[in-house]
């Protein structure tokens, strides 16, 4: 279907062709109930999608979302959204090649923290704001992976402690807004993490209270006792938007400078803990539970770890996307073997979930040829992802005398990836990782270098001393750095 496209803005909504879904509520009546830090593709395909759908079904327009950008780089998405009256389109692609397009209208504005810190603090502190939510990536929580403690050595943390009225990190903004909220006598807002971190709410609480406790014990106690931090499991594969996606949206009838593309599948499991109310997200498919732990562990250990396994190995082979990687029988077989023999044995039962069916669904989702999820994106910030998604499974298997062969090969491949930053054929790879320099400096093919790599305790803890993992890892490192194709190692 090809039509004359129109520029996406409020004025265009009434004249959109019928195949483009539009907000089913009065945008003029929107009030900001949610302030969200980190307006990337995932937020726009997930929490914002659920919120938009809820308001369309209920007519309750008190849950508009104001976006927050913490860094200068966020100004690009701010500018695009502002130009489009804070509208954007969601392009949903199924495995059969069908695509549907809908306009999401729940955003009410976008503030840049680096331009006006007080405006951000005031927005969070407003009594209309019931929830402050986060998608700030694993690295944004500023914890030391090996200990789980807040990293006070970070330069931005030191800046924020010295300059509480103009912070750089999210914890400074949350602390100042909650202090202002408390002083005004308003109920505290809920702090809701939407990131792929196990016990993401608990982690957020610990990081924020640790930060505040360093200068105000009483305030930290108040936050701990009064502010809700619900744990949640989030899931929807959302690749980086490409020029082809923008062109496809235009062919369907819209000129959107930054649409979002995603798969049809979406899941959100949330603990029922909120400080000051919430939207009825269960009306649009979210699931509220007493304890989200089994669901989030399942997802992190299978989907996110599976992505990382395929991302590292596929990159070294020279693949560029997940679907291309999993289409190769050796790679799909290997990731399924990892799931079956290493991840699943250390998972607790998950009520209502058949793990074999779940893993089958994951492989099918990975294989969707119309969701071109790049390996560069999947491998970005690998240090944080591996410490979160893969290392806990390795540690539990070591403790329980389980298998670690697949994970050992992945970590050996990551050592090679970190050192050469290239495929095994020598083609350069784009490595995006805050820890890239230190990873490259300690990686290498000699035994001392290989041991130094897994000796990075902030990532691996004490795994370098565990022969059940370290021995196969060292063997794989030796083979890889001596030129043996890792594809052969995957089938051993």
Protein backbone atom coordinates (compact mmCIF):
# COMPACT_ATOMS: atom_id res chain seq x y z
CA UNK A 1 0.00 0.00 0.00
CA UNK A 2 1.47 3.34 -1.06
CA UNK A 3 -0.21 6.68 -0.35
CA UNK A 4 0.73 10.34 -0.36
CA UNK A 5 2.35 10.80 3.06
CA UNK A 6 1.47 13.62 5.43
CA UNK A 7 3.63 15.24 8.10
CA UNK A 8 2.90 13.82 11.53
CA UNK A 9 1.40 16.44 13.85
CA UNK A 10 -1.85 17.19 15.65
CA UNK A 11 -3.43 18.76 12.59
CA UNK A 12 -2.88 15.60 10.55
CA UNK A 13 -4.61 13.22 12.96
CA UNK A 14 -8.14 13.80 11.70
CA UNK A 15 -7.17 13.12 8.09
CA UNK A 16 -5.05 9.99 8.46
CA UNK A 17 -6.02 7.06 6.22
CA UNK A 18 -8.07 4.40 8.03
CA UNK A 19 -5.27 1.80 8.09
CA UNK A 20 -3.26 4.03 10.47
CA UNK A 21 -4.52 3.78 14.05
CA UNK A 22 -4.62 7.04 15.97
CA UNK A 23 -5.05 7.98 19.64
CA UNK A 24 -8.56 7.06 20.81
CA UNK A 25 -8.75 9.90 23.34
CA UNK A 26 -8.75 13.69 23.44
CA UNK A 27 -5.11 14.79 23.45
CA UNK A 28 -6.18 18.30 24.47
CA UNK A 29 -7.32 16.83 27.79
CA UNK A 30 -3.98 15.15 28.57
CA UNK A 31 -2.38 15.79 31.96
CA UNK A 32 1.09 14.60 32.84
CA UNK A 33 0.93 11.76 35.35
CA UNK A 34 4.21 10.08 34.41
CA UNK A 35 7.66 11.59 34.01
CA UNK A 36 9.97 9.27 32.10
CA UNK A 37 13.77 9.42 32.01
CA UNK A 38 15.30 7.86 28.90
CA UNK A 39 12.96 8.23 25.93
CA UNK A 40 14.49 5.63 23.63
CA UNK A 41 12.87 3.19 21.26
CA UNK A 42 12.09 0.63 23.92
CA UNK A 43 10.17 3.06 26.13
CA UNK A 44 8.17 4.26 23.15
CA UNK A 45 7.34 0.68 22.07
CA UNK A 46 6.57 -0.56 25.58
CA UNK A 47 5.50 1.61 28.53
CA UNK A 48 4.27 4.46 26.33
CA UNK A 49 2.42 1.95 24.13
CA UNK A 50 0.68 0.40 27.14
CA UNK A 51 -0.20 3.84 28.49
CA UNK A 52 -1.55 5.04 25.15
CA UNK A 53 -3.69 1.92 24.84
CA UNK A 54 -5.00 2.27 28.39
CA UNK A 55 -6.07 5.87 27.88
CA UNK A 56 -7.77 4.91 24.62
CA UNK A 57 -9.78 2.17 26.31
CA UNK A 58 -10.60 4.03 29.52
CA UNK A 59 -10.81 7.66 28.47
CA UNK A 60 -8.69 8.51 31.53
CA UNK A 61 -6.28 11.15 30.25
CA UNK A 62 -4.46 11.81 33.53
CA UNK A 63 -1.50 9.62 32.57
CA UNK A 64 0.29 11.61 29.90
CA UNK A 65 4.07 11.15 29.79
CA UNK A 66 6.65 13.94 29.92
CA UNK A 67 10.03 12.78 28.64
CA UNK A 68 13.33 13.72 30.26
CA UNK A 69 16.71 13.79 28.57
CA UNK A 70 19.78 13.80 30.81
CA UNK A 71 22.43 14.34 28.14
CA UNK A 72 22.97 16.73 25.26
CA UNK A 73 22.58 13.81 22.86
CA UNK A 74 18.93 13.50 23.91
CA UNK A 75 18.16 16.86 22.30
CA UNK A 76 17.73 15.18 18.90
CA UNK A 77 14.75 13.08 19.96
CA UNK A 78 13.38 16.08 21.90
CA UNK A 79 13.54 18.26 18.79
CA UNK A 80 11.87 15.65 16.58
CA UNK A 81 9.07 15.01 19.04
CA UNK A 82 8.48 18.71 19.65
CA UNK A 83 8.24 19.31 15.90
CA UNK A 84 5.65 16.53 15.68
CA UNK A 85 3.55 17.79 18.65
CA UNK A 86 5.05 14.90 20.68
CA UNK A 87 3.45 12.33 18.39
CA UNK A 88 5.31 9.38 16.93
CA UNK A 89 4.41 6.25 15.01
CA UNK A 90 4.86 2.63 16.00
CA UNK A 91 5.58 0.22 13.13
CA UNK A 92 4.81 -3.36 14.19
CA UNK A 93 6.31 -6.06 11.96
CA UNK A 94 5.22 -9.69 12.17
CA UNK A 95 7.25 -12.69 10.91
CA UNK A 96 5.01 -13.08 7.84
CA UNK A 97 5.97 -9.64 6.56
CA UNK A 98 2.79 -7.80 7.52
CA UNK A 99 3.23 -4.38 9.08
CA UNK A 100 0.76 -2.25 11.00
CA UNK A 101 1.15 1.41 11.86
CA UNK A 102 -0.29 3.35 14.75
CA UNK A 103 0.24 6.83 16.12
CA UNK A 104 1.08 7.07 19.82
CA UNK A 105 -0.17 10.27 21.43
CA UNK A 106 0.42 9.96 25.17
CA UNK A 107 3.51 12.18 25.34
CA UNK A 108 2.88 15.69 26.66
CA UNK A 109 6.33 17.24 26.48
CA UNK A 110 10.07 16.74 26.78
CA UNK A 111 12.52 18.50 29.12
CA UNK A 112 16.29 18.58 28.77
CA UNK A 113 17.91 18.28 32.19
CA UNK A 114 21.21 19.77 31.08
CA UNK A 115 19.43 22.90 29.86
CA UNK A 116 17.18 23.50 32.87
CA UNK A 117 17.78 21.17 35.83
CA UNK A 118 15.26 22.91 38.08
CA UNK A 119 12.47 22.51 35.54
CA UNK A 120 13.04 18.75 35.61
CA UNK A 121 13.08 18.66 39.42
CA UNK A 122 9.90 20.74 39.56
CA UNK A 123 8.15 18.47 37.03
CA UNK A 124 8.97 15.38 39.05
CA UNK A 125 7.94 17.14 42.27
CA UNK A 126 4.58 18.29 40.87
CA UNK A 127 1.59 16.70 42.66
CA UNK A 128 0.23 15.69 39.24
CA UNK A 129 3.22 13.38 38.75
CA UNK A 130 2.37 9.97 40.18
CA UNK A 131 5.19 7.92 38.64
CA UNK A 132 8.77 8.67 37.61
CA UNK A 133 9.88 5.84 35.35
CA UNK A 134 13.28 4.93 33.95
CA UNK A 135 14.87 3.28 30.95
CA UNK A 136 18.48 4.30 31.53
CA UNK A 137 20.17 0.98 30.49
CA UNK A 138 22.00 -1.37 32.82
CA UNK A 139 24.95 0.99 33.16
CA UNK A 140 22.77 3.89 34.25
CA UNK A 141 22.19 2.42 37.71
CA UNK A 142 25.81 3.07 38.69
CA UNK A 143 26.36 -0.08 40.73
CA UNK A 144 29.51 -2.14 40.97
CA UNK A 145 28.53 -5.47 39.35
CA UNK A 146 30.69 -7.65 41.61
CA UNK A 147 29.29 -6.19 44.84
CA UNK A 148 26.00 -4.58 43.88
CA UNK A 149 27.00 -1.44 45.78
CA UNK A 150 26.65 2.15 44.59
CA UNK A 151 29.76 3.43 42.85
CA UNK A 152 30.66 6.67 44.59
CA UNK A 153 33.91 6.95 42.61
CA UNK A 154 32.05 8.02 39.46
CA UNK A 155 32.95 11.62 38.56
CA UNK A 156 29.31 12.53 37.91
CA UNK A 157 28.34 11.27 41.36
CA UNK A 158 30.97 13.50 42.93
CA UNK A 159 29.65 16.42 40.88
CA UNK A 160 26.07 15.77 41.95
CA UNK A 161 26.92 15.55 45.62
CA UNK A 162 28.65 18.92 45.34
CA UNK A 163 25.94 20.46 43.13
CA UNK A 164 22.53 19.13 44.23
CA UNK A 165 20.64 21.82 42.29
CA UNK A 166 22.23 20.89 38.95
CA UNK A 167 22.82 17.13 38.95
CA UNK A 168 23.95 15.04 36.01
CA UNK A 169 22.69 11.59 37.00
CA UNK A 170 19.14 10.43 37.61
CA UNK A 171 19.73 9.84 41.33
CA UNK A 172 20.41 13.50 41.93
CA UNK A 173 17.15 14.45 40.22
CA UNK A 174 15.12 11.85 42.10
CA UNK A 175 16.65 12.87 45.42
CA UNK A 176 15.97 16.58 44.90
CA UNK A 177 12.42 16.00 43.61
CA UNK A 178 11.50 13.68 46.46
CA UNK A 179 12.91 16.15 48.98
CA UNK A 180 10.82 18.91 47.43
CA UNK A 181 7.77 16.66 47.35
CA UNK A 182 8.18 15.75 51.02
CA UNK A 183 8.61 19.38 52.04
CA UNK A 184 5.39 20.28 50.21
CA UNK A 185 3.46 17.57 52.03
CA UNK A 186 2.59 15.61 48.87
CA UNK A 187 2.63 11.82 48.66
CA UNK A 188 5.85 10.53 47.08
CA UNK A 189 5.78 9.42 43.48
CA UNK A 190 6.54 5.81 42.54
CA UNK A 191 9.98 5.21 41.04
CA UNK A 192 9.46 2.60 38.34
CA UNK A 193 12.38 0.95 36.56
CA UNK A 194 11.64 -0.43 33.10
CA UNK A 195 15.16 -1.74 32.49
CA UNK A 196 16.38 -5.31 32.02
CA UNK A 197 17.88 -5.72 35.46
CA UNK A 198 16.92 -8.49 37.83
CA UNK A 199 14.95 -7.00 40.76
CA UNK A 200 15.12 -3.65 38.95
CA UNK A 201 12.95 -1.92 41.55
CA UNK A 202 15.02 -3.22 44.44
CA UNK A 203 18.22 -2.16 42.68
CA UNK A 204 16.82 1.32 42.08
CA UNK A 205 15.80 1.65 45.73
CA UNK A 206 19.21 0.52 46.93
CA UNK A 207 21.12 2.86 44.62
CA UNK A 208 18.94 5.88 45.39
CA UNK A 209 18.92 5.40 49.15
CA UNK A 210 22.68 4.73 49.17
CA UNK A 211 23.22 7.97 47.31
CA UNK A 212 20.97 9.97 49.66
CA UNK A 213 22.29 8.26 52.79
CA UNK A 214 25.77 9.55 52.03
CA UNK A 215 24.60 13.03 53.02
CA UNK A 216 21.16 12.70 54.69
CA UNK A 217 20.34 9.63 56.81
CA UNK A 218 16.84 10.82 57.72
CA UNK A 219 15.85 11.48 54.11
CA UNK A 220 17.18 8.09 53.04
CA UNK A 221 15.08 6.39 55.72
CA UNK A 222 11.99 8.32 54.56
CA UNK A 223 12.53 7.26 50.94
CA UNK A 224 13.07 3.64 51.95
CA UNK A 225 9.88 3.59 54.03
CA UNK A 226 7.55 5.65 51.83
CA UNK A 227 8.55 5.42 48.17
CA UNK A 228 7.43 2.41 46.12
CA UNK A 229 9.91 0.78 43.72
CA UNK A 230 7.98 -2.02 41.99
CA UNK A 231 10.04 -4.76 40.40
CA UNK A 232 9.01 -5.52 36.83
CA UNK A 233 9.84 -7.72 33.87
CA UNK A 234 9.66 -5.96 30.50
CA UNK A 235 9.86 -7.50 27.05
CA UNK A 236 9.51 -6.35 23.47
CA UNK A 237 12.24 -6.58 20.85
CA UNK A 238 12.77 -3.03 19.57
CA UNK A 239 15.58 -2.52 17.04
CA UNK A 240 17.19 0.80 16.29
CA UNK A 241 15.16 2.77 13.75
CA UNK A 242 16.69 2.74 10.26
CA UNK A 243 16.25 4.82 7.12
CA UNK A 244 14.34 1.88 5.62
CA UNK A 245 11.88 2.01 8.53
CA UNK A 246 11.31 5.73 7.97
CA UNK A 247 10.72 5.04 4.27
CA UNK A 248 8.28 2.22 5.06
CA UNK A 249 6.30 4.51 7.38
CA UNK A 250 6.20 7.14 4.63
CA UNK A 251 4.90 4.53 2.17
CA UNK A 252 2.11 3.80 4.62
CA UNK A 253 1.15 7.47 4.74
CA UNK A 254 3.18 9.28 7.40
CA UNK A 255 6.28 11.44 7.42
CA UNK A 256 7.74 10.66 10.84
CA UNK A 257 11.36 11.63 11.41
CA UNK A 258 11.83 9.07 14.19
CA UNK A 259 9.30 6.24 14.21
CA UNK A 260 9.77 3.13 16.32
CA UNK A 261 9.74 -0.38 14.93
CA UNK A 262 9.06 -3.49 16.99
CA UNK A 263 7.76 -7.04 17.01
CA UNK A 264 4.10 -7.87 17.77
CA UNK A 265 5.00 -9.64 21.04
CA UNK A 266 5.00 -7.58 24.23
CA UNK A 267 5.02 -8.53 27.91
CA UNK A 268 5.03 -6.59 31.15
CA UNK A 269 4.85 -8.25 34.56
CA UNK A 270 4.76 -5.79 37.47
CA UNK A 271 4.60 -6.05 41.23
CA UNK A 272 1.56 -4.32 42.68
CA UNK A 273 3.43 -1.68 44.68
CA UNK A 274 2.72 1.99 43.93
CA UNK A 275 3.01 5.07 46.14
CA UNK A 276 0.40 7.34 44.57
CA UNK A 277 -1.78 5.42 42.10
CA UNK A 278 -1.14 3.96 38.66
CA UNK A 279 -2.77 3.50 35.25
CA UNK A 280 -4.86 0.36 34.71
CA UNK A 281 -2.23 -1.21 32.49
CA UNK A 282 -3.77 -4.63 33.09
CA UNK A 283 -6.55 -3.53 30.71
CA UNK A 284 -3.97 -3.57 27.90
CA UNK A 285 -2.18 -6.81 28.72
CA UNK A 286 0.13 -6.05 31.64
CA UNK A 287 0.15 -8.61 34.44
CA UNK A 288 0.28 -7.58 38.10
CA UNK A 289 1.75 -10.08 40.55
CA UNK A 290 2.92 -10.29 44.14
CA UNK A 291 6.45 -11.39 43.21
CA UNK A 292 7.93 -10.83 39.76
CA UNK A 293 11.21 -12.65 40.50
CA UNK A 294 10.57 -15.90 38.58
CA UNK A 295 9.36 -14.03 35.50
CA UNK A 296 12.21 -11.54 35.36
CA UNK A 297 14.83 -14.22 36.04
CA UNK A 298 13.40 -16.37 33.25
CA UNK A 299 13.46 -13.50 30.80
CA UNK A 300 16.92 -12.21 31.71
CA UNK A 301 18.54 -15.66 31.77
CA UNK A 302 16.91 -16.84 28.52
CA UNK A 303 15.99 -13.91 26.26
CA UNK A 304 18.60 -11.34 27.27
CA UNK A 305 21.36 -13.88 27.76
CA UNK A 306 20.34 -15.56 24.48
CA UNK A 307 20.64 -12.21 22.71
CA UNK A 308 24.11 -11.72 24.19
CA UNK A 309 25.23 -15.23 23.22
CA UNK A 310 24.11 -14.73 19.64
CA UNK A 311 25.40 -11.15 19.54
CA UNK A 312 28.99 -11.96 20.50
CA UNK A 313 29.30 -15.15 18.46
CA UNK A 314 27.41 -13.76 15.46
CA UNK A 315 29.60 -10.65 15.43
CA UNK A 316 32.80 -12.69 15.31
CA UNK A 317 31.38 -14.73 12.45
CA UNK A 318 30.55 -11.59 10.48
CA UNK A 319 26.76 -11.54 10.79
CA UNK A 320 25.10 -8.16 11.27
CA UNK A 321 21.65 -8.95 12.69
CA UNK A 322 20.05 -11.41 15.11
CA UNK A 323 17.71 -12.95 12.54
CA UNK A 324 20.65 -13.58 10.19
CA UNK A 325 22.56 -15.24 13.03
CA UNK A 326 19.79 -17.49 14.31
CA UNK A 327 18.93 -18.55 10.75
CA UNK A 328 22.24 -20.45 10.72
CA UNK A 329 21.62 -23.94 12.15
CA UNK A 330 24.88 -24.03 14.12
CA UNK A 331 24.05 -20.79 15.95
CA UNK A 332 20.39 -21.61 16.63
CA UNK A 333 21.44 -25.04 17.89
CA UNK A 334 24.11 -23.55 20.15
CA UNK A 335 21.88 -20.91 21.74
CA UNK A 336 19.20 -23.53 22.36
CA UNK A 337 21.81 -25.82 23.94
CA UNK A 338 22.87 -22.97 26.21
CA UNK A 339 19.25 -22.38 27.19
CA UNK A 340 18.53 -26.06 27.80
CA UNK A 341 21.71 -27.23 29.52
CA UNK A 342 22.93 -24.14 31.39
CA UNK A 343 20.18 -21.54 31.84
CA UNK A 344 17.11 -23.72 32.43
CA UNK A 345 18.57 -26.05 35.11
CA UNK A 346 19.16 -23.10 37.47
CA UNK A 347 15.76 -21.46 36.92
CA UNK A 348 12.96 -21.72 39.47
CA UNK A 349 9.51 -22.82 38.24
CA UNK A 350 7.46 -19.99 36.72
CA UNK A 351 3.71 -20.16 37.33
CA UNK A 352 1.73 -20.40 34.11
CA UNK A 353 4.82 -20.71 31.89
CA UNK A 354 5.89 -23.81 29.95
CA UNK A 355 9.63 -23.21 29.58
CA UNK A 356 9.99 -25.37 26.45
CA UNK A 357 7.23 -23.39 24.74
CA UNK A 358 8.76 -20.13 25.98
CA UNK A 359 12.17 -21.06 24.51
CA UNK A 360 10.54 -22.09 21.22
CA UNK A 361 8.83 -18.71 21.10
CA UNK A 362 12.12 -16.93 21.78
CA UNK A 363 13.88 -18.64 18.88
CA UNK A 364 10.96 -17.77 16.60
CA UNK A 365 11.06 -14.14 17.76
CA UNK A 366 14.81 -13.96 17.19
CA UNK A 367 14.28 -15.35 13.69
CA UNK A 368 11.73 -12.71 12.61
CA UNK A 369 13.33 -11.56 9.32
CA UNK A 370 11.53 -8.22 9.43
CA UNK A 371 12.98 -7.20 12.79
CA UNK A 372 16.53 -6.37 11.80
CA UNK A 373 17.97 -6.11 15.30
CA UNK A 374 21.61 -5.22 14.82
CA UNK A 375 24.35 -7.12 16.62
CA UNK A 376 26.10 -3.80 17.23
CA UNK A 377 23.12 -2.70 19.34
CA UNK A 378 22.88 -6.02 21.12
CA UNK A 379 26.62 -6.03 21.91
CA UNK A 380 26.66 -2.41 23.08
CA UNK A 381 27.66 -2.05 26.74
CA UNK A 382 28.51 -5.76 26.82
CA UNK A 383 30.33 -5.42 30.15
CA UNK A 384 27.09 -4.46 31.89
CA UNK A 385 25.01 -6.95 29.93
CA UNK A 386 27.29 -9.93 30.48
CA UNK A 387 27.61 -9.21 34.20
CA UNK A 388 23.81 -8.97 34.46
CA UNK A 389 22.52 -11.53 31.96
CA UNK A 390 25.18 -14.27 31.83
CA UNK A 391 27.50 -14.25 34.85
CA UNK A 392 24.78 -15.13 37.41
CA UNK A 393 23.98 -18.31 35.46
CA UNK A 394 27.66 -19.25 35.33
CA UNK A 395 28.04 -18.71 39.07
CA UNK A 396 24.99 -20.80 39.93
CA UNK A 397 26.14 -23.63 37.69
CA UNK A 398 29.56 -23.58 39.32
CA UNK A 399 27.93 -23.73 42.75
CA UNK A 400 25.58 -26.54 41.71
CA UNK A 401 28.20 -28.42 39.67
CA UNK A 402 26.24 -27.79 36.50
CA UNK A 403 27.47 -27.21 32.96
CA UNK A 404 29.40 -24.09 31.91
CA UNK A 405 30.83 -25.08 28.51
CA UNK A 406 28.58 -22.87 26.39
CA UNK A 407 29.06 -19.82 28.58
CA UNK A 408 32.81 -20.41 28.72
CA UNK A 409 32.95 -20.29 24.92
CA UNK A 410 30.92 -17.07 24.84
CA UNK A 411 33.22 -15.37 27.35
CA UNK A 412 36.28 -16.57 25.42
CA UNK A 413 34.73 -15.14 22.25
CA UNK A 414 34.09 -11.89 24.11
CA UNK A 415 37.76 -11.77 25.12
CA UNK A 416 38.71 -12.12 21.43
CA UNK A 417 36.06 -9.53 20.44
CA UNK A 418 37.33 -7.08 23.08
CA UNK A 419 40.98 -7.50 22.06
CA UNK A 420 40.76 -7.44 18.25
CA UNK A 421 37.46 -5.55 17.83
CA UNK A 422 37.11 -7.48 14.59
CA UNK A 423 35.59 -10.62 13.12
CA UNK A 424 37.73 -13.73 12.83
CA UNK A 425 38.20 -12.74 9.19
CA UNK A 426 39.64 -9.37 10.26
CA UNK A 427 36.72 -7.07 9.47
CA UNK A 428 36.56 -4.23 12.00
CA UNK A 429 33.62 -4.21 14.42
CA UNK A 430 32.05 -1.18 16.07
CA UNK A 431 32.47 -1.70 19.82
CA UNK A 432 30.28 0.49 22.02
CA UNK A 433 31.16 -0.01 25.68
CA UNK A 434 32.11 2.36 28.48
CA UNK A 435 34.64 -0.28 29.56
CA UNK A 436 36.08 -0.92 26.08
CA UNK A 437 39.56 0.42 26.81
CA UNK A 438 40.12 -1.55 30.00
CA UNK A 439 38.66 -4.68 28.38
CA UNK A 440 41.05 -4.41 25.46
CA UNK A 441 44.02 -3.68 27.71
CA UNK A 442 43.63 -6.90 29.72
CA UNK A 443 42.37 -9.19 26.93
CA UNK A 444 44.65 -11.35 24.81
CA UNK A 445 45.56 -14.87 23.80
CA UNK A 446 48.23 -15.69 26.36
CA UNK A 447 47.20 -17.51 29.51
CA UNK A 448 48.14 -14.54 31.69
CA UNK A 449 46.08 -12.17 29.55
CA UNK A 450 43.14 -14.57 29.40
CA UNK A 451 43.18 -14.96 33.19
CA UNK A 452 43.45 -11.19 33.61
CA UNK A 453 40.32 -10.78 31.48
CA UNK A 454 38.14 -12.97 33.69
CA UNK A 455 39.99 -11.55 36.67
CA UNK A 456 38.01 -8.32 36.25
CA UNK A 457 36.16 -8.82 39.49
CA UNK A 458 33.65 -6.03 38.87
CA UNK A 459 32.28 -8.19 36.05
CA UNK A 460 33.15 -11.78 36.96
CA UNK A 461 33.51 -11.78 40.73
CA UNK A 462 35.69 -14.75 41.69
CA UNK A 463 35.04 -16.88 38.60
CA UNK A 464 38.71 -16.74 37.59
CA UNK A 465 39.40 -19.01 40.58
CA UNK A 466 36.70 -21.55 39.66
CA UNK A 467 38.29 -24.27 37.54
CA UNK A 468 34.91 -25.62 36.41
CA UNK A 469 34.53 -22.42 34.39
CA UNK A 470 38.09 -21.15 34.02
CA UNK A 471 39.54 -24.37 32.54
CA UNK A 472 37.20 -24.64 29.53
CA UNK A 473 37.35 -20.86 29.08
CA UNK A 474 41.17 -20.94 28.84
CA UNK A 475 41.05 -23.79 26.35
CA UNK A 476 38.60 -21.88 24.18
CA UNK A 477 40.68 -18.69 24.35
CA UNK A 478 43.75 -20.62 23.22
CA UNK A 479 41.85 -22.14 20.30
CA UNK A 480 40.32 -18.84 19.19
CA UNK A 481 43.53 -16.83 19.36
CA UNK A 482 45.32 -19.60 17.47
CA UNK A 483 42.91 -19.17 14.59
CA UNK A 484 40.50 -22.06 15.10
CA UNK A 485 37.04 -21.06 13.78
CA UNK A 486 34.71 -20.85 16.75
CA UNK A 487 31.94 -22.41 14.65
CA UNK A 488 33.80 -25.69 15.02
CA UNK A 489 34.08 -25.10 18.77
CA UNK A 490 30.30 -24.60 19.01
CA UNK A 491 29.64 -28.08 17.74
CA UNK A 492 32.19 -29.87 19.95
